[in-house]
Amino acid sequence: MAAIEERLQAFADADLRSQRLQRAGGIGVITATALSASVGDFDRFPSGRHFASSLGLTPREHSSGSTRRLGRVTRRGDTYLRMLLIHDARAVLRSAKLASKKQQPLDRTRA
């Protein structure tokens, strides 16, 4: 297990995308390397919503005219990446909750 973690860390240290992703709150080596390897260039997505939609993190939409109806989360796309991002988001929320209980200031990713 330690050898695998060392290889992942070596990949992350050499990969600029992984380094940038790790600067975001909650994203560690595993998520950063998985996103970098699976998604590749993020410039192909016009917005964050398009990226989230490709992973199945946005609700299904059934709209007509001016009536907008949002359904359940579609759950399409890469299941592993979706799971990693959901766990990362939970970790950030838990960290923010603990920091607010201790009266510590929140950074921009936990506010």
C-alpha atoms as a PDB file:
ATOM      1  CA  MET A   1       0.000   0.000   0.000  1.00  0.00           C
ATOM      2  CA  ALA A   2       2.839   2.376   0.848  1.00  0.00           C
ATOM      3  CA  ALA A   3       4.486   1.704  -2.519  1.00  0.00           C
ATOM      4  CA  ILE A   4       1.276   2.566  -4.358  1.00  0.00           C
ATOM      5  CA  GLU A   5       0.895   5.786  -2.374  1.00  0.00           C
ATOM      6  CA  GLU A   6       4.489   6.709  -3.191  1.00  0.00           C
ATOM      7  CA  ARG A   7       3.869   6.143  -6.907  1.00  0.00           C
ATOM      8  CA  LEU A   8       0.708   8.262  -6.777  1.00  0.00           C
ATOM      9  CA  GLN A   9       2.562  11.027  -4.960  1.00  0.00           C
ATOM     10  CA  ALA A  10       5.377  10.886  -7.529  1.00  0.00           C
ATOM     11  CA  PHE A  11       2.833  11.187 -10.345  1.00  0.00           C
ATOM     12  CA  ALA A  12       1.110  14.096  -8.591  1.00  0.00           C
ATOM     13  CA  ASP A  13       4.414  15.880  -8.049  1.00  0.00           C
ATOM     14  CA  ALA A  14       5.225  15.616 -11.762  1.00  0.00           C
ATOM     15  CA  ASP A  15       1.735  16.514 -13.033  1.00  0.00           C
ATOM     16  CA  LEU A  16       0.796  20.212 -13.072  1.00  0.00           C
ATOM     17  CA  ARG A  17      -2.951  19.482 -13.206  1.00  0.00           C
ATOM     18  CA  SER A  18      -2.749  17.316 -10.089  1.00  0.00           C
ATOM     19  CA  GLN A  19      -0.837  20.027  -8.263  1.00  0.00           C
ATOM     20  CA  ARG A  20      -3.478  22.615  -9.126  1.00  0.00           C
ATOM     21  CA  LEU A  21      -6.315  20.333  -8.092  1.00  0.00           C
ATOM     22  CA  GLN A  22      -4.718  19.663  -4.718  1.00  0.00           C
ATOM     23  CA  ARG A  23      -4.848  23.372  -3.905  1.00  0.00           C
ATOM     24  CA  ALA A  24      -8.646  23.095  -3.675  1.00  0.00           C
ATOM     25  CA  GLY A  25     -10.001  22.217  -0.261  1.00  0.00           C
ATOM     26  CA  GLY A  26     -10.714  18.559   0.346  1.00  0.00           C
ATOM     27  CA  ILE A  27      -8.951  17.246  -2.742  1.00  0.00           C
ATOM     28  CA  GLY A  28      -6.009  15.030  -1.968  1.00  0.00           C
ATOM     29  CA  VAL A  29      -3.547  12.999  -3.973  1.00  0.00           C
ATOM     30  CA  ILE A  30      -5.964  10.195  -4.886  1.00  0.00           C
ATOM     31  CA  THR A  31      -8.724  12.483  -6.175  1.00  0.00           C
ATOM     32  CA  ALA A  32      -6.306  14.814  -7.969  1.00  0.00           C
ATOM     33  CA  THR A  33      -4.521  12.009  -9.796  1.00  0.00           C
ATOM     34  CA  ALA A  34      -7.800  10.278 -10.656  1.00  0.00           C
ATOM     35  CA  LEU A  35      -9.266  13.493 -12.093  1.00  0.00           C
ATOM     36  CA  SER A  36      -6.090  14.309 -13.976  1.00  0.00           C
ATOM     37  CA  ALA A  37      -5.858  10.850 -15.506  1.00  0.00           C
ATOM     38  CA  SER A  38      -9.546  10.425 -16.271  1.00  0.00           C
ATOM     39  CA  VAL A  39     -10.700  13.888 -17.307  1.00  0.00           C
ATOM     40  CA  GLY A  40      -7.527  15.222 -18.846  1.00  0.00           C
ATOM     41  CA  ASP A  41      -7.781  18.835 -19.994  1.00  0.00           C
ATOM     42  CA  PHE A  42     -10.506  20.744 -18.110  1.00  0.00           C
ATOM     43  CA  ASP A  43     -10.575  23.419 -20.812  1.00  0.00           C
ATOM     44  CA  ARG A  44     -12.875  21.217 -22.855  1.00  0.00           C
ATOM     45  CA  PHE A  45     -15.710  22.040 -20.423  1.00  0.00           C
ATOM     46  CA  PRO A  46     -17.246  25.500 -20.944  1.00  0.00           C
ATOM     47  CA  SER A  47     -18.222  25.745 -17.259  1.00  0.00           C
ATOM     48  CA  GLY A  48     -18.188  23.891 -13.971  1.00  0.00           C
ATOM     49  CA  ARG A  49     -21.796  22.857 -14.545  1.00  0.00           C
ATOM     50  CA  HIS A  50     -20.817  21.060 -17.747  1.00  0.00           C
ATOM     51  CA  PHE A  51     -18.073  19.222 -15.869  1.00  0.00           C
ATOM     52  CA  ALA A  52     -20.478  18.280 -13.066  1.00  0.00           C
ATOM     53  CA  SER A  53     -22.996  17.134 -15.645  1.00  0.00           C
ATOM     54  CA  SER A  54     -20.425  14.863 -17.273  1.00  0.00           C
ATOM     55  CA  LEU A  55     -19.999  13.131 -13.900  1.00  0.00           C
ATOM     56  CA  GLY A  56     -23.725  12.924 -13.220  1.00  0.00           C
ATOM     57  CA  LEU A  57     -23.759  15.451 -10.383  1.00  0.00           C
ATOM     58  CA  THR A  58     -26.478  17.714 -11.778  1.00  0.00           C
ATOM     59  CA  PRO A  59     -30.231  17.105 -11.616  1.00  0.00           C
ATOM     60  CA  ARG A  60     -32.172  15.830 -14.586  1.00  0.00           C
ATOM     61  CA  GLU A  61     -34.231  18.594 -16.131  1.00  0.00           C
ATOM     62  CA  HIS A  62     -37.751  18.294 -17.543  1.00  0.00           C
ATOM     63  CA  SER A  63     -38.605  21.808 -18.679  1.00  0.00           C
ATOM     64  CA  SER A  64     -41.079  23.293 -21.077  1.00  0.00           C
ATOM     65  CA  GLY A  65     -41.413  26.949 -21.885  1.00  0.00           C
ATOM     66  CA  SER A  66     -41.067  29.020 -18.724  1.00  0.00           C
ATOM     67  CA  THR A  67     -41.734  26.033 -16.422  1.00  0.00           C
ATOM     68  CA  ARG A  68     -38.549  24.504 -15.073  1.00  0.00           C
ATOM     69  CA  ARG A  69     -38.696  21.114 -13.385  1.00  0.00           C
ATOM     70  CA  LEU A  70     -35.602  19.549 -11.873  1.00  0.00           C
ATOM     71  CA  GLY A  71     -35.563  15.854 -11.119  1.00  0.00           C
ATOM     72  CA  ARG A  72     -33.152  13.548  -9.356  1.00  0.00           C
ATOM     73  CA  VAL A  73     -29.396  13.531  -9.831  1.00  0.00           C
ATOM     74  CA  THR A  74     -28.719  11.577 -12.997  1.00  0.00           C
ATOM     75  CA  ARG A  75     -25.781   9.451 -11.719  1.00  0.00           C
ATOM     76  CA  ARG A  76     -24.318   9.112 -15.177  1.00  0.00           C
ATOM     77  CA  GLY A  77     -20.631   9.330 -15.847  1.00  0.00           C
ATOM     78  CA  ASP A  78     -17.665   7.995 -13.919  1.00  0.00           C
ATOM     79  CA  THR A  79     -18.921   6.429 -10.683  1.00  0.00           C
ATOM     80  CA  TYR A  80     -15.486   6.371  -9.045  1.00  0.00           C
ATOM     81  CA  LEU A  81     -14.795  10.076  -9.669  1.00  0.00           C
ATOM     82  CA  ARG A  82     -18.275  11.023  -8.484  1.00  0.00           C
ATOM     83  CA  MET A  83     -17.737   9.030  -5.280  1.00  0.00           C
ATOM     84  CA  LEU A  84     -14.346  10.675  -4.652  1.00  0.00           C
ATOM     85  CA  LEU A  85     -15.726  14.181  -5.156  1.00  0.00           C
ATOM     86  CA  ILE A  86     -18.705  13.523  -2.878  1.00  0.00           C
ATOM     87  CA  HIS A  87     -16.413  12.244  -0.122  1.00  0.00           C
ATOM     88  CA  ASP A  88     -14.140  15.258  -0.584  1.00  0.00           C
ATOM     89  CA  ALA A  89     -17.108  17.616  -0.282  1.00  0.00           C
ATOM     90  CA  ARG A  90     -18.229  15.877   2.911  1.00  0.00           C
ATOM     91  CA  ALA A  91     -14.723  16.230   4.345  1.00  0.00           C
ATOM     92  CA  VAL A  92     -14.706  19.968   3.616  1.00  0.00           C
ATOM     93  CA  LEU A  93     -18.142  20.434   5.195  1.00  0.00           C
ATOM     94  CA  ARG A  94     -17.088  18.509   8.302  1.00  0.00           C
ATOM     95  CA  SER A  95     -13.905  20.549   8.550  1.00  0.00           C
ATOM     96  CA  ALA A  96     -15.888  23.782   8.259  1.00  0.00           C
ATOM     97  CA  LYS A  97     -18.327  22.646  10.947  1.00  0.00           C
ATOM     98  CA  LEU A  98     -15.498  21.777  13.345  1.00  0.00           C
ATOM     99  CA  ALA A  99     -13.735  25.074  12.634  1.00  0.00           C
ATOM    100  CA  SER A 100     -16.896  27.088  13.294  1.00  0.00           C
ATOM    101  CA  LYS A 101     -17.442  25.249  16.598  1.00  0.00           C
ATOM    102  CA  LYS A 102     -13.895  26.187  17.660  1.00  0.00           C
ATOM    103  CA  GLN A 103     -14.503  29.817  16.562  1.00  0.00           C
ATOM    104  CA  GLN A 104     -11.712  29.531  13.988  1.00  0.00           C
ATOM    105  CA  PRO A 105     -11.831  31.636  10.826  1.00  0.00           C
ATOM    106  CA  LEU A 106     -12.917  29.827   7.671  1.00  0.00           C
ATOM    107  CA  ASP A 107     -10.903  30.091   4.472  1.00  0.00           C
ATOM    108  CA  ARG A 108     -12.618  30.709   1.137  1.00  0.00           C
ATOM    109  CA  THR A 109     -13.160  27.014   0.435  1.00  0.00           C
ATOM    110  CA  ARG A 110     -14.958  26.424   3.734  1.00  0.00           C
ATOM    111  CA  ALA A 111     -17.014  29.627   3.940  1.00  0.00           C
END
